Amino acid sequence: MELGAFSISLAVKDLEASKQFYEKLGFTVFGGDPTQNWLILKNGDHTIGLFQGMFEENILTFNPGWDSHARPLDTFTDVRELQRQLKSEGITFATEADENTQGPASFVIADPDGNTILVDQHR
């Protein structure tokens, strides 16, 4: 099962303080909008999203259709197909992608310890 690009989305208290901290670890701003309280930082193939006031806990994020630099892939497994495969494995969903649509969609699941996993397709 190919889930796409991986990143961790961090719920931060102070966007600027977190940005400065991760820049000291070699991360650079790759995207986002600080006026909307979010930034995406990269260090090589490693990606961290910083989100102030958008959610309460950290989230593991997968993006079908993207490589590790957010470049579109020629071929990928659609989020709705991933959802069907996981349902067949007995995974419980917090939110689901509408299987009657195409293009951007997402679903949310949690691992046995309650860690949130977002599978978020942008194309």
PDB file of N, CA and C in Angstrom:
ATOM      1  N   MET A   1       0.843  -1.171   0.000  1.00  0.00           N
ATOM      2  CA  MET A   1       0.000   0.000   0.000  1.00  0.00           C
ATOM      3  C   MET A   1       0.891   1.236   0.000  1.00  0.00           C
ATOM      4  N   GLU A   2       0.735   2.083  -0.993  1.00  0.00           N
ATOM      5  CA  GLU A   2       1.538   3.305  -1.123  1.00  0.00           C
ATOM      6  C   GLU A   2       0.713   4.488  -0.618  1.00  0.00           C
ATOM      7  N   LEU A   3       1.141   5.090   0.489  1.00  0.00           N
ATOM      8  CA  LEU A   3       0.397   6.174   1.114  1.00  0.00           C
ATOM      9  C   LEU A   3       0.820   7.562   0.644  1.00  0.00           C
ATOM     10  N   GLY A   4       1.912   7.661  -0.094  1.00  0.00           N
ATOM     11  CA  GLY A   4       2.376   8.968  -0.553  1.00  0.00           C
ATOM     12  C   GLY A   4       3.368   9.586   0.405  1.00  0.00           C
ATOM     13  N   ALA A   5       3.587  10.884   0.223  1.00  0.00           N
ATOM     14  CA  ALA A   5       4.558  11.622   1.025  1.00  0.00           C
ATOM     15  C   ALA A   5       4.149  11.615   2.495  1.00  0.00           C
ATOM     16  N   PHE A   6       5.135  11.558   3.388  1.00  0.00           N
ATOM     17  CA  PHE A   6       4.883  11.548   4.827  1.00  0.00           C
ATOM     18  C   PHE A   6       5.394  12.826   5.470  1.00  0.00           C
ATOM     19  N   SER A   7       4.626  13.333   6.414  1.00  0.00           N
ATOM     20  CA  SER A   7       5.082  14.446   7.249  1.00  0.00           C
ATOM     21  C   SER A   7       4.409  14.319   8.604  1.00  0.00           C
ATOM     22  N   ILE A   8       4.897  15.083   9.537  1.00  0.00           N
ATOM     23  CA  ILE A   8       4.217  15.171  10.824  1.00  0.00           C
ATOM     24  C   ILE A   8       3.703  16.600  10.948  1.00  0.00           C
ATOM     25  N   SER A   9       2.462  16.714  11.350  1.00  0.00           N
ATOM     26  CA  SER A   9       1.824  18.014  11.552  1.00  0.00           C
ATOM     27  C   SER A   9       1.823  18.281  13.048  1.00  0.00           C
ATOM     28  N   LEU A  10       2.546  19.320  13.451  1.00  0.00           N
ATOM     29  CA  LEU A  10       2.712  19.614  14.868  1.00  0.00           C
ATOM     30  C   LEU A  10       1.770  20.739  15.306  1.00  0.00           C
ATOM     31  N   ALA A  11       1.034  20.497  16.364  1.00  0.00           N
ATOM     32  CA  ALA A  11       0.208  21.531  16.987  1.00  0.00           C
ATOM     33  C   ALA A  11       1.143  22.358  17.870  1.00  0.00           C
ATOM     34  N   VAL A  12       1.406  23.605  17.484  1.00  0.00           N
ATOM     35  CA  VAL A  12       2.364  24.438  18.210  1.00  0.00           C
ATOM     36  C   VAL A  12       1.662  25.593  18.915  1.00  0.00           C
ATOM     37  N   LYS A  13       2.275  26.073  19.975  1.00  0.00           N
ATOM     38  CA  LYS A  13       1.715  27.186  20.751  1.00  0.00           C
ATOM     39  C   LYS A  13       2.138  28.538  20.189  1.00  0.00           C
ATOM     40  N   ASP A  14       3.346  28.589  19.606  1.00  0.00           N
ATOM     41  CA  ASP A  14       3.890  29.845  19.089  1.00  0.00           C
ATOM     42  C   ASP A  14       4.583  29.531  17.760  1.00  0.00           C
ATOM     43  N   LEU A  15       3.938  29.896  16.668  1.00  0.00           N
ATOM     44  CA  LEU A  15       4.440  29.549  15.336  1.00  0.00           C
ATOM     45  C   LEU A  15       5.859  30.067  15.115  1.00  0.00           C
ATOM     46  N   GLU A  16       6.113  31.312  15.446  1.00  0.00           N
ATOM     47  CA  GLU A  16       7.426  31.901  15.201  1.00  0.00           C
ATOM     48  C   GLU A  16       8.505  31.226  16.054  1.00  0.00           C
ATOM     49  N   ALA A  17       8.218  30.958  17.318  1.00  0.00           N
ATOM     50  CA  ALA A  17       9.196  30.290  18.184  1.00  0.00           C
ATOM     51  C   ALA A  17       9.505  28.890  17.655  1.00  0.00           C
ATOM     52  N   SER A  18       8.472  28.174  17.207  1.00  0.00           N
ATOM     53  CA  SER A  18       8.682  26.828  16.663  1.00  0.00           C
ATOM     54  C   SER A  18       9.471  26.891  15.364  1.00  0.00           C
ATOM     55  N   LYS A  19       9.152  27.844  14.498  1.00  0.00           N
ATOM     56  CA  LYS A  19       9.897  28.017  13.244  1.00  0.00           C
ATOM     57  C   LYS A  19      11.376  28.245  13.540  1.00  0.00           C
ATOM     58  N   GLN A  20      11.666  29.154  14.461  1.00  0.00           N
ATOM     59  CA  GLN A  20      13.058  29.448  14.794  1.00  0.00           C
ATOM     60  C   GLN A  20      13.764  28.216  15.363  1.00  0.00           C
ATOM     61  N   PHE A  21      13.085  27.445  16.205  1.00  0.00           N
ATOM     62  CA  PHE A  21      13.675  26.233  16.763  1.00  0.00           C
ATOM     63  C   PHE A  21      14.033  25.246  15.647  1.00  0.00           C
ATOM     64  N   TYR A  22      13.094  24.950  14.758  1.00  0.00           N
ATOM     65  CA  TYR A  22      13.353  23.965  13.714  1.00  0.00           C
ATOM     66  C   TYR A  22      14.351  24.463  12.678  1.00  0.00           C
ATOM     67  N   GLU A  23      14.445  25.780  12.490  1.00  0.00           N
ATOM     68  CA  GLU A  23      15.493  26.317  11.616  1.00  0.00           C
ATOM     69  C   GLU A  23      16.871  26.026  12.201  1.00  0.00           C
ATOM     70  N   LYS A  24      17.001  26.028  13.505  1.00  0.00           N
ATOM     71  CA  LYS A  24      18.273  25.684  14.149  1.00  0.00           C
ATOM     72  C   LYS A  24      18.637  24.220  13.913  1.00  0.00           C
ATOM     73  N   LEU A  25      17.618  23.373  13.632  1.00  0.00           N
ATOM     74  CA  LEU A  25      17.860  21.957  13.314  1.00  0.00           C
ATOM     75  C   LEU A  25      18.082  21.746  11.811  1.00  0.00           C
ATOM     76  N   GLY A  26      18.143  22.839  11.052  1.00  0.00           N
ATOM     77  CA  GLY A  26      18.423  22.736   9.627  1.00  0.00           C
ATOM     78  C   GLY A  26      17.204  22.752   8.722  1.00  0.00           C
ATOM     79  N   PHE A  27      16.020  22.956   9.274  1.00  0.00           N
ATOM     80  CA  PHE A  27      14.816  23.038   8.455  1.00  0.00           C
ATOM     81  C   PHE A  27      14.687  24.432   7.858  1.00  0.00           C
ATOM     82  N   THR A  28      14.099  24.516   6.671  1.00  0.00           N
ATOM     83  CA  THR A  28      13.809  25.797   6.029  1.00  0.00           C
ATOM     84  C   THR A  28      12.338  25.814   5.634  1.00  0.00           C
ATOM     85  N   VAL A  29      11.780  27.009   5.587  1.00  0.00           N
ATOM     86  CA  VAL A  29      10.375  27.160   5.210  1.00  0.00           C
ATOM     87  C   VAL A  29      10.210  26.757   3.756  1.00  0.00           C
ATOM     88  N   PHE A  30       9.246  25.888   3.510  1.00  0.00           N
ATOM     89  CA  PHE A  30       8.970  25.330   2.194  1.00  0.00           C
ATOM     90  C   PHE A  30       7.620  25.820   1.669  1.00  0.00           C
ATOM     91  N   GLY A  31       6.723  26.126   2.565  1.00  0.00           N
ATOM     92  CA  GLY A  31       5.390  26.569   2.168  1.00  0.00           C
ATOM     93  C   GLY A  31       4.608  27.018   3.381  1.00  0.00           C
ATOM     94  N   GLY A  32       3.350  27.341   3.134  1.00  0.00           N
ATOM     95  CA  GLY A  32       2.481  27.759   4.210  1.00  0.00           C
ATOM     96  C   GLY A  32       2.208  29.238   4.188  1.00  0.00           C
ATOM     97  N   ASP A  33       1.533  29.713   5.224  1.00  0.00           N
ATOM     98  CA  ASP A  33       1.157  31.111   5.330  1.00  0.00           C
ATOM     99  C   ASP A  33       1.125  31.500   6.803  1.00  0.00           C
ATOM    100  N   PRO A  34       2.143  32.214   7.269  1.00  0.00           N
ATOM    101  CA  PRO A  34       2.180  32.570   8.688  1.00  0.00           C
ATOM    102  C   PRO A  34       1.008  33.451   9.107  1.00  0.00           C
ATOM    103  N   THR A  35       0.400  34.207   8.172  1.00  0.00           N
ATOM    104  CA  THR A  35      -0.764  35.013   8.544  1.00  0.00           C
ATOM    105  C   THR A  35      -1.984  34.137   8.824  1.00  0.00           C
ATOM    106  N   GLN A  36      -1.935  32.884   8.364  1.00  0.00           N
ATOM    107  CA  GLN A  36      -2.998  31.916   8.653  1.00  0.00           C
ATOM    108  C   GLN A  36      -2.550  30.909   9.714  1.00  0.00           C
ATOM    109  N   ASN A  37      -1.391  31.156  10.325  1.00  0.00           N
ATOM    110  CA  ASN A  37      -0.845  30.359  11.442  1.00  0.00           C
ATOM    111  C   ASN A  37      -0.402  28.963  11.050  1.00  0.00           C
ATOM    112  N   TRP A  38       0.172  28.797   9.852  1.00  0.00           N
ATOM    113  CA  TRP A  38       0.740  27.504   9.496  1.00  0.00           C
ATOM    114  C   TRP A  38       1.917  27.685   8.552  1.00  0.00           C
ATOM    115  N   LEU A  39       2.903  26.776   8.710  1.00  0.00           N
ATOM    116  CA  LEU A  39       4.095  26.738   7.863  1.00  0.00           C
ATOM    117  C   LEU A  39       4.478  25.288   7.609  1.00  0.00           C
ATOM    118  N   ILE A  40       5.087  25.034   6.462  1.00  0.00           N
ATOM    119  CA  ILE A  40       5.660  23.732   6.138  1.00  0.00           C
ATOM    120  C   ILE A  40       7.164  23.933   6.046  1.00  0.00           C
ATOM    121  N   LEU A  41       7.929  23.096   6.764  1.00  0.00           N
ATOM    122  CA  LEU A  41       9.384  23.181   6.768  1.00  0.00           C
ATOM    123  C   LEU A  41       9.969  21.874   6.261  1.00  0.00           C
ATOM    124  N   LYS A  42      11.134  21.972   5.602  1.00  0.00           N
ATOM    125  CA  LYS A  42      11.811  20.791   5.072  1.00  0.00           C
ATOM    126  C   LYS A  42      13.268  20.796   5.491  1.00  0.00           C
ATOM    127  N   ASN A  43      13.777  19.597   5.635  1.00  0.00           N
ATOM    128  CA  ASN A  43      15.196  19.348   5.829  1.00  0.00           C
ATOM    129  C   ASN A  43      15.470  18.083   5.034  1.00  0.00           C
ATOM    130  N   GLY A  44      15.990  18.225   3.821  1.00  0.00           N
ATOM    131  CA  GLY A  44      16.152  17.075   2.932  1.00  0.00           C
ATOM    132  C   GLY A  44      14.789  16.506   2.596  1.00  0.00           C
ATOM    133  N   ASP A  45      14.613  15.217   2.824  1.00  0.00           N
ATOM    134  CA  ASP A  45      13.326  14.562   2.564  1.00  0.00           C
ATOM    135  C   ASP A  45      12.376  14.631   3.752  1.00  0.00           C
ATOM    136  N   HIS A  46      12.780  15.273   4.836  1.00  0.00           N
ATOM    137  CA  HIS A  46      11.967  15.334   6.053  1.00  0.00           C
ATOM    138  C   HIS A  46      11.082  16.575   6.033  1.00  0.00           C
ATOM    139  N   THR A  47       9.818  16.382   6.338  1.00  0.00           N
ATOM    140  CA  THR A  47       8.850  17.479   6.294  1.00  0.00           C
ATOM    141  C   THR A  47       8.111  17.580   7.622  1.00  0.00           C
ATOM    142  N   ILE A  48       8.004  18.820   8.112  1.00  0.00           N
ATOM    143  CA  ILE A  48       7.257  19.110   9.328  1.00  0.00           C
ATOM    144  C   ILE A  48       6.284  20.243   9.012  1.00  0.00           C
ATOM    145  N   GLY A  49       5.045  20.067   9.410  1.00  0.00           N
ATOM    146  CA  GLY A  49       4.068  21.151   9.339  1.00  0.00           C
ATOM    147  C   GLY A  49       3.896  21.728  10.728  1.00  0.00           C
ATOM    148  N   LEU A  50       3.907  23.048  10.827  1.00  0.00           N
ATOM    149  CA  LEU A  50       3.679  23.741  12.096  1.00  0.00           C
ATOM    150  C   LEU A  50       2.320  24.430  12.010  1.00  0.00           C
ATOM    151  N   PHE A  51       1.430  24.127  12.948  1.00  0.00           N
ATOM    152  CA  PHE A  51       0.061  24.644  12.919  1.00  0.00           C
ATOM    153  C   PHE A  51      -0.296  25.204  14.286  1.00  0.00           C
ATOM    154  N   GLN A  52      -0.493  26.514  14.349  1.00  0.00           N
ATOM    155  CA  GLN A  52      -0.833  27.167  15.613  1.00  0.00           C
ATOM    156  C   GLN A  52      -2.345  27.368  15.689  1.00  0.00           C
ATOM    157  N   GLY A  53      -2.966  26.774  16.719  1.00  0.00           N
ATOM    158  CA  GLY A  53      -4.382  26.974  16.954  1.00  0.00           C
ATOM    159  C   GLY A  53      -5.313  26.267  15.989  1.00  0.00           C
ATOM    160  N   MET A  54      -4.821  25.323  15.214  1.00  0.00           N
ATOM    161  CA  MET A  54      -5.666  24.646  14.232  1.00  0.00           C
ATOM    162  C   MET A  54      -6.172  23.292  14.712  1.00  0.00           C
ATOM    163  N   PHE A  55      -5.424  22.628  15.571  1.00  0.00           N
ATOM    164  CA  PHE A  55      -5.836  21.352  16.152  1.00  0.00           C
ATOM    165  C   PHE A  55      -5.093  21.162  17.458  1.00  0.00           C
ATOM    166  N   GLU A  56      -5.559  20.212  18.256  1.00  0.00           N
ATOM    167  CA  GLU A  56      -5.040  20.066  19.611  1.00  0.00           C
ATOM    168  C   GLU A  56      -3.858  19.115  19.744  1.00  0.00           C
ATOM    169  N   GLU A  57      -3.702  18.201  18.819  1.00  0.00           N
ATOM    170  CA  GLU A  57      -2.641  17.201  18.963  1.00  0.00           C
ATOM    171  C   GLU A  57      -1.855  17.067  17.664  1.00  0.00           C
ATOM    172  N   ASN A  58      -0.707  16.441  17.757  1.00  0.00           N
ATOM    173  CA  ASN A  58       0.113  16.189  16.574  1.00  0.00           C
ATOM    174  C   ASN A  58      -0.556  15.134  15.696  1.00  0.00           C
ATOM    175  N   ILE A  59      -0.325  15.225  14.397  1.00  0.00           N
ATOM    176  CA  ILE A  59      -0.970  14.326  13.441  1.00  0.00           C
ATOM    177  C   ILE A  59       0.079  13.785  12.473  1.00  0.00           C
ATOM    178  N   LEU A  60       0.049  12.467  12.263  1.00  0.00           N
ATOM    179  CA  LEU A  60       0.851  11.864  11.195  1.00  0.00           C
ATOM    180  C   LEU A  60       0.090  12.084   9.894  1.00  0.00           C
ATOM    181  N   THR A  61       0.760  12.601   8.869  1.00  0.00           N
ATOM    182  CA  THR A  61       0.075  12.951   7.623  1.00  0.00           C
ATOM    183  C   THR A  61       0.721  12.242   6.444  1.00  0.00           C
ATOM    184  N   PHE A  62      -0.131  11.685   5.578  1.00  0.00           N
ATOM    185  CA  PHE A  62       0.301  11.082   4.317  1.00  0.00           C
ATOM    186  C   PHE A  62      -0.436  11.777   3.186  1.00  0.00           C
ATOM    187  N   ASN A  63       0.278  12.038   2.091  1.00  0.00           N
ATOM    188  CA  ASN A  63      -0.306  12.722   0.941  1.00  0.00           C
ATOM    189  C   ASN A  63      -0.177  11.880  -0.327  1.00  0.00           C
ATOM    190  N   PRO A  64      -1.204  11.073  -0.641  1.00  0.00           N
ATOM    191  CA  PRO A  64      -1.174  10.327  -1.908  1.00  0.00           C
ATOM    192  C   PRO A  64      -1.055  11.299  -3.085  1.00  0.00           C
ATOM    193  N   GLY A  65      -0.254  10.921  -4.061  1.00  0.00           N
ATOM    194  CA  GLY A  65      -0.095  11.753  -5.246  1.00  0.00           C
ATOM    195  C   GLY A  65       1.070  12.709  -5.195  1.00  0.00           C
ATOM    196  N   TRP A  66       1.756  12.777  -4.061  1.00  0.00           N
ATOM    197  CA  TRP A  66       2.917  13.657  -3.922  1.00  0.00           C
ATOM    198  C   TRP A  66       4.149  12.848  -3.569  1.00  0.00           C
ATOM    199  N   ASP A  67       5.326  13.333  -4.039  1.00  0.00           N
ATOM    200  CA  ASP A  67       6.580  12.791  -3.542  1.00  0.00           C
ATOM    201  C   ASP A  67       6.983  13.596  -2.306  1.00  0.00           C
ATOM    202  N   SER A  68       8.154  13.344  -1.764  1.00  0.00           N
ATOM    203  CA  SER A  68       8.562  13.986  -0.508  1.00  0.00           C
ATOM    204  C   SER A  68       8.826  15.486  -0.647  1.00  0.00           C
ATOM    205  N   HIS A  69       8.802  16.000  -1.884  1.00  0.00           N
ATOM    206  CA  HIS A  69       8.990  17.440  -2.107  1.00  0.00           C
ATOM    207  C   HIS A  69       7.710  18.101  -2.609  1.00  0.00           C
ATOM    208  N   ALA A  70       6.560  17.430  -2.384  1.00  0.00           N
ATOM    209  CA  ALA A  70       5.235  17.918  -2.785  1.00  0.00           C
ATOM    210  C   ALA A  70       5.115  18.085  -4.294  1.00  0.00           C
ATOM    211  N   ARG A  71       5.883  17.284  -5.030  1.00  0.00           N
ATOM    212  CA  ARG A  71       5.757  17.270  -6.496  1.00  0.00           C
ATOM    213  C   ARG A  71       4.772  16.172  -6.880  1.00  0.00           C
ATOM    214  N   PRO A  72       3.904  16.455  -7.849  1.00  0.00           N
ATOM    215  CA  PRO A  72       2.913  15.452  -8.262  1.00  0.00           C
ATOM    216  C   PRO A  72       3.580  14.199  -8.829  1.00  0.00           C
ATOM    217  N   LEU A  73       3.036  13.043  -8.462  1.00  0.00           N
ATOM    218  CA  LEU A  73       3.483  11.764  -9.004  1.00  0.00           C
ATOM    219  C   LEU A  73       2.650  11.427 -10.240  1.00  0.00           C
ATOM    220  N   ASP A  74       3.268  10.778 -11.220  1.00  0.00           N
ATOM    221  CA  ASP A  74       2.533  10.373 -12.419  1.00  0.00           C
ATOM    222  C   ASP A  74       1.458   9.345 -12.095  1.00  0.00           C
ATOM    223  N   THR A  75       1.796   8.405 -11.235  1.00  0.00           N
ATOM    224  CA  THR A  75       0.831   7.391 -10.834  1.00  0.00           C
ATOM    225  C   THR A  75       0.834   7.286  -9.309  1.00  0.00           C
ATOM    226  N   PHE A  76      -0.342   7.031  -8.751  1.00  0.00           N
ATOM    227  CA  PHE A  76      -0.464   6.876  -7.309  1.00  0.00           C
ATOM    228  C   PHE A  76      -1.797   6.209  -7.008  1.00  0.00           C
ATOM    229  N   THR A  77      -1.914   5.699  -5.794  1.00  0.00           N
ATOM    230  CA  THR A  77      -3.158   5.082  -5.353  1.00  0.00           C
ATOM    231  C   THR A  77      -4.068   6.163  -4.786  1.00  0.00           C
ATOM    232  N   ASP A  78      -5.257   6.294  -5.361  1.00  0.00           N
ATOM    233  CA  ASP A  78      -6.219   7.299  -4.946  1.00  0.00           C
ATOM    234  C   ASP A  78      -6.644   7.070  -3.491  1.00  0.00           C
ATOM    235  N   VAL A  79      -6.901   8.153  -2.790  1.00  0.00           N
ATOM    236  CA  VAL A  79      -7.279   8.094  -1.372  1.00  0.00           C
ATOM    237  C   VAL A  79      -8.514   7.221  -1.154  1.00  0.00           C
ATOM    238  N   ARG A  80      -9.442   7.212  -2.107  1.00  0.00           N
ATOM    239  CA  ARG A  80     -10.651   6.395  -1.953  1.00  0.00           C
ATOM    240  C   ARG A  80     -10.335   4.902  -2.057  1.00  0.00           C
ATOM    241  N   GLU A  81      -9.357   4.557  -2.889  1.00  0.00           N
ATOM    242  CA  GLU A  81      -8.921   3.160  -2.975  1.00  0.00           C
ATOM    243  C   GLU A  81      -8.201   2.753  -1.697  1.00  0.00           C
ATOM    244  N   LEU A  82      -7.359   3.627  -1.169  1.00  0.00           N
ATOM    245  CA  LEU A  82      -6.698   3.347   0.110  1.00  0.00           C
ATOM    246  C   LEU A  82      -7.742   3.129   1.204  1.00  0.00           C
ATOM    247  N   GLN A  83      -8.767   3.946   1.203  1.00  0.00           N
ATOM    248  CA  GLN A  83      -9.844   3.818   2.190  1.00  0.00           C
ATOM    249  C   GLN A  83     -10.533   2.460   2.061  1.00  0.00           C
ATOM    250  N   ARG A  84     -10.833   2.045   0.829  1.00  0.00           N
ATOM    251  CA  ARG A  84     -11.472   0.733   0.622  1.00  0.00           C
ATOM    252  C   ARG A  84     -10.582  -0.391   1.137  1.00  0.00           C
ATOM    253  N   GLN A  85      -9.268  -0.304   0.846  1.00  0.00           N
ATOM    254  CA  GLN A  85      -8.341  -1.335   1.292  1.00  0.00           C
ATOM    255  C   GLN A  85      -8.290  -1.397   2.815  1.00  0.00           C
ATOM    256  N   LEU A  86      -8.230  -0.249   3.474  1.00  0.00           N
ATOM    257  CA  LEU A  86      -8.157  -0.221   4.939  1.00  0.00           C
ATOM    258  C   LEU A  86      -9.456  -0.704   5.572  1.00  0.00           C
ATOM    259  N   LYS A  87     -10.581  -0.362   4.967  1.00  0.00           N
ATOM    260  CA  LYS A  87     -11.868  -0.867   5.473  1.00  0.00           C
ATOM    261  C   LYS A  87     -11.901  -2.389   5.406  1.00  0.00           C
ATOM    262  N   SER A  88     -11.361  -2.946   4.319  1.00  0.00           N
ATOM    263  CA  SER A  88     -11.353  -4.408   4.184  1.00  0.00           C
ATOM    264  C   SER A  88     -10.462  -5.067   5.228  1.00  0.00           C
ATOM    265  N   GLU A  89      -9.538  -4.296   5.809  1.00  0.00           N
ATOM    266  CA  GLU A  89      -8.663  -4.782   6.876  1.00  0.00           C
ATOM    267  C   GLU A  89      -9.265  -4.545   8.257  1.00  0.00           C
ATOM    268  N   GLY A  90     -10.470  -3.967   8.301  1.00  0.00           N
ATOM    269  CA  GLY A  90     -11.142  -3.748   9.574  1.00  0.00           C
ATOM    270  C   GLY A  90     -10.781  -2.463  10.286  1.00  0.00           C
ATOM    271  N   ILE A  91     -10.124  -1.533   9.598  1.00  0.00           N
ATOM    272  CA  ILE A  91      -9.762  -0.256  10.207  1.00  0.00           C
ATOM    273  C   ILE A  91     -11.024   0.583  10.406  1.00  0.00           C
ATOM    274  N   THR A  92     -11.113   1.251  11.562  1.00  0.00           N
ATOM    275  CA  THR A  92     -12.222   2.143  11.873  1.00  0.00           C
ATOM    276  C   THR A  92     -11.835   3.570  11.482  1.00  0.00           C
ATOM    277  N   PHE A  93     -12.783   4.300  10.906  1.00  0.00           N
ATOM    278  CA  PHE A  93     -12.522   5.646  10.414  1.00  0.00           C
ATOM    279  C   PHE A  93     -13.184   6.700  11.295  1.00  0.00           C
ATOM    280  N   ALA A  94     -12.445   7.787  11.563  1.00  0.00           N
ATOM    281  CA  ALA A  94     -13.009   8.946  12.259  1.00  0.00           C
ATOM    282  C   ALA A  94     -13.756   9.822  11.259  1.00  0.00           C
ATOM    283  N   THR A  95     -13.176   9.998  10.070  1.00  0.00           N
ATOM    284  CA  THR A  95     -13.831  10.669   8.950  1.00  0.00           C
ATOM    285  C   THR A  95     -13.483   9.879   7.696  1.00  0.00           C
ATOM    286  N   GLU A  96     -14.327  10.009   6.676  1.00  0.00           N
ATOM    287  CA  GLU A  96     -14.119   9.261   5.436  1.00  0.00           C
ATOM    288  C   GLU A  96     -14.161  10.179   4.228  1.00  0.00           C
ATOM    289  N   ALA A  97     -13.468   9.757   3.182  1.00  0.00           N
ATOM    290  CA  ALA A  97     -13.557  10.419   1.882  1.00  0.00           C
ATOM    291  C   ALA A  97     -14.849   9.967   1.205  1.00  0.00           C
ATOM    292  N   ASP A  98     -15.486  10.871   0.496  1.00  0.00           N
ATOM    293  CA  ASP A  98     -16.693  10.536  -0.258  1.00  0.00           C
ATOM    294  C   ASP A  98     -16.273   9.711  -1.468  1.00  0.00           C
ATOM    295  N   GLU A  99     -16.701   8.473  -1.511  1.00  0.00           N
ATOM    296  CA  GLU A  99     -16.277   7.571  -2.580  1.00  0.00           C
ATOM    297  C   GLU A  99     -16.943   7.877  -3.915  1.00  0.00           C
ATOM    298  N   ASN A 100     -17.881   8.814  -3.957  1.00  0.00           N
ATOM    299  CA  ASN A 100     -18.547   9.198  -5.196  1.00  0.00           C
ATOM    300  C   ASN A 100     -17.913  10.425  -5.835  1.00  0.00           C
ATOM    301  N   THR A 101     -16.726  10.804  -5.355  1.00  0.00           N
ATOM    302  CA  THR A 101     -16.043  11.981  -5.885  1.00  0.00           C
ATOM    303  C   THR A 101     -14.711  11.573  -6.510  1.00  0.00           C
ATOM    304  N   GLN A 102     -14.079  12.538  -7.147  1.00  0.00           N
ATOM    305  CA  GLN A 102     -12.728  12.371  -7.684  1.00  0.00           C
ATOM    306  C   GLN A 102     -11.900  13.562  -7.224  1.00  0.00           C
ATOM    307  N   GLY A 103     -10.572  13.431  -7.308  1.00  0.00           N
ATOM    308  CA  GLY A 103      -9.699  14.541  -6.952  1.00  0.00           C
ATOM    309  C   GLY A 103      -9.445  14.628  -5.464  1.00  0.00           C
ATOM    310  N   PRO A 104      -9.259  15.854  -4.963  1.00  0.00           N
ATOM    311  CA  PRO A 104      -8.901  16.045  -3.563  1.00  0.00           C
ATOM    312  C   PRO A 104      -9.918  15.424  -2.605  1.00  0.00           C
ATOM    313  N   ALA A 105      -9.406  14.758  -1.588  1.00  0.00           N
ATOM    314  CA  ALA A 105     -10.234  14.143  -0.550  1.00  0.00           C
ATOM    315  C   ALA A 105      -9.311  13.670   0.563  1.00  0.00           C
ATOM    316  N   SER A 106      -9.910  13.341   1.709  1.00  0.00           N
ATOM    317  CA  SER A 106      -9.105  12.876   2.835  1.00  0.00           C
ATOM    318  C   SER A 106      -9.933  11.979   3.734  1.00  0.00           C
ATOM    319  N   PHE A 107      -9.207  11.252   4.595  1.00  0.00           N
ATOM    320  CA  PHE A 107      -9.844  10.512   5.677  1.00  0.00           C
ATOM    321  C   PHE A 107      -8.929  10.547   6.886  1.00  0.00           C
ATOM    322  N   VAL A 108      -9.527  10.257   8.043  1.00  0.00           N
ATOM    323  CA  VAL A 108      -8.780  10.258   9.301  1.00  0.00           C
ATOM    324  C   VAL A 108      -9.040   8.940  10.013  1.00  0.00           C
ATOM    325  N   ILE A 109      -7.945   8.333  10.491  1.00  0.00           N
ATOM    326  CA  ILE A 109      -8.010   7.124  11.301  1.00  0.00           C
ATOM    327  C   ILE A 109      -7.124   7.356  12.531  1.00  0.00           C
ATOM    328  N   ALA A 110      -7.158   6.434  13.466  1.00  0.00           N
ATOM    329  CA  ALA A 110      -6.272   6.510  14.637  1.00  0.00           C
ATOM    330  C   ALA A 110      -5.635   5.148  14.848  1.00  0.00           C
ATOM    331  N   ASP A 111      -4.384   5.155  15.303  1.00  0.00           N
ATOM    332  CA  ASP A 111      -3.716   3.892  15.602  1.00  0.00           C
ATOM    333  C   ASP A 111      -4.202   3.381  16.962  1.00  0.00           C
ATOM    334  N   PRO A 112      -3.775   2.192  17.386  1.00  0.00           N
ATOM    335  CA  PRO A 112      -4.269   1.624  18.653  1.00  0.00           C
ATOM    336  C   PRO A 112      -3.996   2.485  19.885  1.00  0.00           C
ATOM    337  N   ASP A 113      -3.017   3.393  19.790  1.00  0.00           N
ATOM    338  CA  ASP A 113      -2.696   4.262  20.919  1.00  0.00           C
ATOM    339  C   ASP A 113      -3.393   5.614  20.838  1.00  0.00           C
ATOM    340  N   GLY A 114      -4.247   5.787  19.833  1.00  0.00           N
ATOM    341  CA  GLY A 114      -4.987   7.033  19.695  1.00  0.00           C
ATOM    342  C   GLY A 114      -4.295   8.109  18.886  1.00  0.00           C
ATOM    343  N   ASN A 115      -3.145   7.797  18.274  1.00  0.00           N
ATOM    344  CA  ASN A 115      -2.461   8.777  17.434  1.00  0.00           C
ATOM    345  C   ASN A 115      -3.253   8.987  16.153  1.00  0.00           C
ATOM    346  N   THR A 116      -3.518  10.239  15.825  1.00  0.00           N
ATOM    347  CA  THR A 116      -4.305  10.580  14.646  1.00  0.00           C
ATOM    348  C   THR A 116      -3.460  10.451  13.390  1.00  0.00           C
ATOM    349  N   ILE A 117      -4.054   9.856  12.356  1.00  0.00           N
ATOM    350  CA  ILE A 117      -3.407   9.706  11.055  1.00  0.00           C
ATOM    351  C   ILE A 117      -4.341  10.307  10.016  1.00  0.00           C
ATOM    352  N   LEU A 118      -3.842  11.302   9.292  1.00  0.00           N
ATOM    353  CA  LEU A 118      -4.582  11.963   8.229  1.00  0.00           C
ATOM    354  C   LEU A 118      -4.013  11.508   6.885  1.00  0.00           C
ATOM    355  N   VAL A 119      -4.863  11.015   6.003  1.00  0.00           N
ATOM    356  CA  VAL A 119      -4.470  10.705   4.624  1.00  0.00           C
ATOM    357  C   VAL A 119      -5.182  11.742   3.772  1.00  0.00           C
ATOM    358  N   ASP A 120      -4.396  12.665   3.197  1.00  0.00           N
ATOM    359  CA  ASP A 120      -4.919  13.888   2.595  1.00  0.00           C
ATOM    360  C   ASP A 120      -4.398  14.032   1.173  1.00  0.00           C
ATOM    361  N   GLN A 121      -5.275  13.783   0.208  1.00  0.00           N
ATOM    362  CA  GLN A 121      -4.913  13.858  -1.220  1.00  0.00           C
ATOM    363  C   GLN A 121      -5.291  15.240  -1.736  1.00  0.00           C
ATOM    364  N   HIS A 122      -4.338  15.926  -2.363  1.00  0.00           N
ATOM    365  CA  HIS A 122      -4.558  17.303  -2.830  1.00  0.00           C
ATOM    366  C   HIS A 122      -4.879  17.424  -4.309  1.00  0.00           C
ATOM    367  N   ARG A 123      -4.852  16.302  -5.053  1.00  0.00           N
ATOM    368  CA  ARG A 123      -5.132  16.412  -6.497  1.00  0.00           C
ATOM    369  C   ARG A 123      -5.980  15.277  -6.977  1.00  0.00           C
TER     370      ARG A 123
END
